[in-house]
Protein backbone atom coordinates (compact mmCIF):
# COMPACT_ATOMS: atom_id res chain seq x y z
CA MET A 1 114.00 174.39 97.23
CA ASN A 2 116.61 176.02 95.21
CA THR A 3 118.64 173.33 93.52
CA ASN A 4 120.32 175.61 90.90
CA ASN A 5 123.47 175.26 92.94
CA ASP A 6 123.26 171.41 92.80
CA LYS A 7 126.13 170.95 90.53
CA LYS A 8 128.81 168.45 90.86
CA ASP A 9 131.46 170.58 89.62
CA ASP A 10 130.54 173.20 92.03
CA PHE A 11 130.30 171.78 95.53
CA ILE A 12 130.90 168.80 97.59
CA PHE A 13 129.29 167.67 100.93
CA GLY A 14 129.47 165.01 103.85
CA LEU A 15 132.19 165.23 106.55
CA ARG A 16 134.60 162.73 104.70
CA PRO A 17 134.56 163.66 101.25
CA VAL A 18 135.33 167.30 102.25
CA ILE A 19 138.20 166.37 104.34
CA GLU A 20 139.72 164.51 101.31
CA ALA A 21 138.95 167.15 98.98
CA ILE A 22 140.98 169.59 101.20
CA GLU A 23 143.97 167.13 101.82
CA ALA A 24 143.92 166.47 98.29
CA GLY A 25 144.48 170.07 97.41
CA LYS A 26 141.25 171.38 96.28
CA THR A 27 140.71 175.04 96.24
CA ILE A 28 137.89 175.66 98.59
CA ASP A 29 135.94 178.76 97.65
CA LYS A 30 133.37 178.71 100.70
CA ILE A 31 132.77 175.93 103.37
CA PHE A 32 129.32 176.07 105.38
CA VAL A 33 129.18 173.93 108.41
CA GLN A 34 126.29 173.53 110.39
CA ASN A 35 125.93 175.19 113.68
CA ALA A 36 126.80 173.30 116.86
CA LEU A 37 128.01 170.42 114.69
CA GLN A 38 129.79 167.62 116.67
CA GLY A 39 131.64 164.44 116.53
CA PRO A 40 134.86 162.80 116.01
CA ILE A 41 134.86 163.17 112.22
CA TYR A 42 133.94 166.78 112.32
CA ALA A 43 136.76 167.45 114.99
CA GLU A 44 138.90 165.92 112.33
CA LEU A 45 137.67 168.32 109.79
CA LYS A 46 138.17 171.26 112.11
CA ALA A 47 141.76 170.36 112.69
CA VAL A 48 142.10 170.13 108.65
CA LEU A 49 140.39 173.85 108.05
CA ALA A 50 142.88 175.12 110.94
CA GLN A 51 145.66 173.83 109.08
CA ASN A 52 144.81 174.74 105.83
CA LYS A 53 143.85 178.27 107.17
CA ILE A 54 140.38 177.86 105.70
CA ARG A 55 137.52 179.83 107.53
CA PRO A 56 134.12 178.03 107.83
CA ASN A 57 130.82 179.85 107.59
CA TYR A 58 128.47 178.39 110.58
CA VAL A 59 125.00 178.48 109.06
CA PRO A 60 121.52 176.81 110.32
CA VAL A 61 120.80 173.52 108.91
CA GLU A 62 117.93 174.85 106.82
CA LYS A 63 120.80 176.66 104.56
CA LEU A 64 122.70 173.76 104.06
CA ASN A 65 119.22 171.77 102.93
CA ARG A 66 118.59 174.37 100.49
CA PHE A 67 122.35 173.58 98.87
CA THR A 68 121.05 169.72 98.73
CA ARG A 69 118.40 167.46 99.40
CA LYS A 70 120.99 164.47 99.98
CA ASN A 71 122.76 163.52 103.49
CA HIS A 72 125.29 166.34 103.69
CA GLN A 73 126.13 165.50 107.64
CA GLY A 74 126.42 169.17 108.34
CA VAL A 75 129.00 170.17 105.79
CA VAL A 76 128.86 171.64 102.51
CA ALA A 77 131.87 172.97 100.48
CA PHE A 78 132.01 174.99 97.38
CA ILE A 79 135.02 173.76 94.89
CA SER A 80 136.96 176.34 92.68
CA ASP A 81 138.96 175.23 89.65
CA VAL A 82 140.88 178.81 90.29
CA PRO A 83 143.49 178.81 92.80
CA PHE A 84 143.98 181.57 95.40
CA HIS A 85 147.10 183.67 95.93
CA LYS A 86 148.51 185.80 98.66
CA ILE A 87 148.61 189.50 98.32
CA GLU A 88 151.87 189.78 100.19
CA ASP A 89 153.57 187.46 97.69
CA LEU A 90 151.91 188.89 94.77
CA VAL A 91 153.15 192.39 95.28
CA SER A 92 156.55 191.41 96.33
CA GLN A 93 156.83 189.49 93.26
CA LEU A 94 155.53 192.49 90.91
CA PHE A 95 158.08 194.77 92.46
CA GLU A 96 160.89 192.30 92.24
CA GLU A 97 159.97 192.02 88.25
CA GLY A 98 160.02 195.78 87.95
CA LYS A 99 156.41 195.92 87.26
CA THR A 100 153.88 198.79 88.04
CA PRO A 101 151.16 196.82 90.26
CA PHE A 102 147.69 197.71 88.92
CA LEU A 103 145.18 195.90 91.25
CA LEU A 104 141.45 195.56 91.63
CA ILE A 105 139.70 195.15 94.97
CA LEU A 106 136.19 194.15 94.93
CA ASP A 107 134.46 194.64 98.39
CA ARG A 108 131.57 192.11 98.78
CA LEU A 109 130.22 191.83 95.43
CA THR A 110 127.88 189.29 95.49
CA ASP A 111 126.46 188.82 92.06
CA VAL A 112 128.07 186.20 90.04
CA ARG A 113 127.44 187.34 86.63
CA ASN A 114 128.69 190.99 87.66
CA PHE A 115 131.98 189.04 89.25
CA GLY A 116 132.71 187.26 85.93
CA ALA A 117 132.08 190.47 83.92
CA ILE A 118 134.36 192.43 85.90
CA CYS A 119 137.11 189.62 85.83
CA ARG A 120 136.92 189.42 81.96
CA THR A 121 137.58 193.25 81.81
CA ALA A 122 140.10 193.20 84.29
CA GLU A 123 142.24 190.53 82.63
CA CYS A 124 141.75 192.24 79.17
CA VAL A 125 143.24 195.54 81.06
CA GLY A 126 146.14 193.69 82.22
CA ILE A 127 145.23 193.78 85.92
CA ASP A 128 147.71 191.87 88.24
CA ALA A 129 145.36 190.57 90.62
CA VAL A 130 141.57 190.95 91.78
CA ILE A 131 141.26 190.81 95.52
CA ILE A 132 138.07 189.51 97.24
CA PRO A 133 137.05 189.02 100.88
CA GLU A 134 136.84 185.61 102.37
CA LYS A 135 133.41 186.25 103.40
CA GLY A 136 130.50 188.06 101.64
CA ALA A 137 131.68 187.56 98.03
CA ALA A 138 130.26 185.85 95.14
CA PRO A 139 131.22 182.56 94.75
CA ILE A 140 133.88 181.43 91.67
CA ASN A 141 131.64 178.72 90.19
CA SER A 142 130.76 177.48 86.66
CA ASP A 143 128.67 180.58 86.18
CA ALA A 144 131.46 183.09 87.08
CA ILE A 145 134.09 181.41 84.73
CA LYS A 146 131.61 181.27 81.79
CA THR A 147 130.73 185.00 82.39
CA SER A 148 134.14 186.03 82.46
CA ALA A 149 134.78 184.09 78.98
CA GLY A 150 137.48 182.03 80.82
CA GLY A 151 139.25 185.21 81.90
CA ILE A 152 139.23 183.99 85.45
CA TYR A 153 141.62 181.39 84.53
CA ASN A 154 144.26 184.00 83.23
CA ILE A 155 143.78 186.44 86.18
CA LYS A 156 145.27 186.03 89.96
CA ILE A 157 142.71 185.83 92.40
CA CYS A 158 143.31 187.01 96.10
CA LYS A 159 141.00 185.98 98.85
CA GLU A 160 141.97 187.90 102.00
CA PRO A 161 140.17 187.66 105.60
CA ASN A 162 140.02 191.57 106.13
CA LEU A 163 140.02 194.26 103.08
CA ALA A 164 140.92 197.21 105.43
CA HIS A 165 144.15 195.44 106.24
CA VAL A 166 144.78 194.81 102.79
CA VAL A 167 144.35 198.47 101.83
CA ASP A 168 147.02 199.42 104.73
CA PHE A 169 149.58 196.77 103.60
CA LEU A 170 149.17 198.06 99.72
CA GLN A 171 149.65 201.77 100.86
CA GLN A 172 152.78 200.74 103.04
CA SER A 173 153.93 199.09 99.97
CA GLY A 174 153.77 202.55 97.99
CA ILE A 175 150.66 201.51 96.10
CA SER A 176 147.84 204.34 96.07
CA VAL A 177 143.92 202.98 96.73
CA PHE A 178 141.37 204.57 94.83
CA ALA A 179 137.66 203.66 96.35
CA ALA A 180 134.81 204.34 93.82
CA SER A 181 132.02 205.97 95.26
CA GLU A 182 129.18 208.07 93.94
CA LYS A 183 129.73 210.74 96.91
CA ALA A 184 132.98 211.40 95.85
CA GLN A 185 134.15 214.92 95.03
CA LYS A 186 137.06 213.90 92.46
CA LEU A 187 136.28 212.40 88.88
CA ILE A 188 138.44 209.45 87.52
CA TYR A 189 140.13 211.79 85.35
CA ASP A 190 141.71 213.85 88.10
CA VAL A 191 143.72 210.94 89.81
CA ASN A 192 147.05 209.46 88.72
CA PHE A 193 146.57 205.96 87.53
CA THR A 194 149.94 205.37 85.94
CA GLU A 195 151.72 204.72 89.18
CA PRO A 196 151.26 201.73 91.34
CA CYS A 197 147.44 201.62 92.36
CA ALA A 198 144.59 199.55 93.29
CA VAL A 199 140.83 200.29 92.35
CA VAL A 200 138.16 199.42 94.87
CA MET A 201 134.58 198.55 93.77
CA GLY A 202 131.89 197.98 96.42
CA ASN A 203 128.85 195.77 96.84
CA GLU A 204 125.86 196.20 94.52
CA GLU A 205 123.48 197.76 97.14
CA THR A 206 125.46 199.27 99.61
CA GLY A 207 128.73 200.04 98.08
CA ILE A 208 132.31 199.82 99.77
CA SER A 209 132.35 199.21 103.44
CA LYS A 210 133.11 202.29 105.66
CA GLU A 211 136.03 200.77 106.97
CA VAL A 212 137.62 200.27 103.81
CA LEU A 213 136.36 203.79 102.39
CA HIS A 214 138.13 205.39 105.27
CA HIS A 215 141.33 203.91 104.66
CA ALA A 216 141.41 204.59 101.00
CA ASP A 217 143.84 207.20 99.36
CA GLU A 218 141.21 208.81 97.44
CA LYS A 219 137.56 208.46 96.58
CA ILE A 220 136.64 208.82 92.76
CA LYS A 221 133.65 208.91 90.70
CA LEU A 222 132.46 208.65 87.21
CA PRO A 223 130.76 211.69 85.75
CA ILE A 224 126.97 211.15 85.39
CA GLU A 225 124.72 213.51 83.41
CA GLY A 226 121.65 211.53 83.16
CA LYS A 227 118.63 211.24 85.33
CA THR A 228 119.91 207.92 86.65
CA GLN A 229 122.21 208.31 89.46
CA SER A 230 124.31 205.01 89.31
CA LEU A 231 125.55 202.51 86.89
CA ASN A 232 125.85 198.82 87.10
CA VAL A 233 129.07 197.87 88.78
CA SER A 234 130.73 196.04 86.15
CA VAL A 235 129.95 198.85 83.68
CA ALA A 236 131.43 201.50 86.22
CA CYS A 237 134.24 199.19 87.08
CA GLY A 238 135.07 198.70 83.21
CA ALA A 239 134.86 202.53 82.61
CA ILE A 240 137.51 203.33 85.71
CA LEU A 241 139.73 200.66 84.32
CA TYR A 242 139.88 201.82 80.56
CA GLU A 243 140.53 205.29 81.94
CA ALA A 244 143.54 203.86 83.64
CA VAL A 245 144.53 202.21 80.29
CA ARG A 246 144.12 205.50 78.68
CA GLN A 247 146.41 207.36 81.16
CA LYS A 248 149.15 204.35 80.92
CA THR A 249 148.97 204.65 76.93
CA VAL A 250 149.25 208.62 76.91
CA LYS A 251 152.23 208.21 79.25
CA ILE A 252 153.94 205.65 77.18
CA ASN A 253 153.57 207.52 74.03
């Protein structure tokens, strides 16, 4: 039994407590619902989820039992102190303010500490928003916040249902999308980061999904001179983002 996640500040459980949390305006990072759950209170929860556009993850009861030993009634919801934003609203706001959008897309990163470290770097370099998928992403919990050194509180997070659609929207808005891939032919030094752009980083094991990779404008990579053919994703992300900073600095000067 894994009880590492049993932190009161990270999740709540039970049908009525989850309904009340949502209605009180709490930010739901993830919600897990037992398969085939039924009953009038669950019907009420379904209506509240639909009204607030929250998509649950349906799972076996065994998964819920791993979150807590207590009577969860078939529902566990992870709470985030960090509010989520809509990418469409943010992009419009950035252009209205005369800014050059500089965005980061994290495609299914699952390691909490990698996510926190990347958010720390992203905040330091002035990323306007970090975009993550609704499903398959690391939870934004106390460990992520701690690893980010609080940087998560100072950067906008967008949680979107379909990252490929996000890429399409960004391109239609005049934002170039650069996908980091070890199989790319072009180095990070050969693309222009000074124009409106977004950088995509992929899952620790499988990289960027084929759909997102297919939609990107350019595939880029870091030069690797040693025998180890890949870097930790947070280290690679930092190197790419600081090349963008270098280009922006040179352009200004």
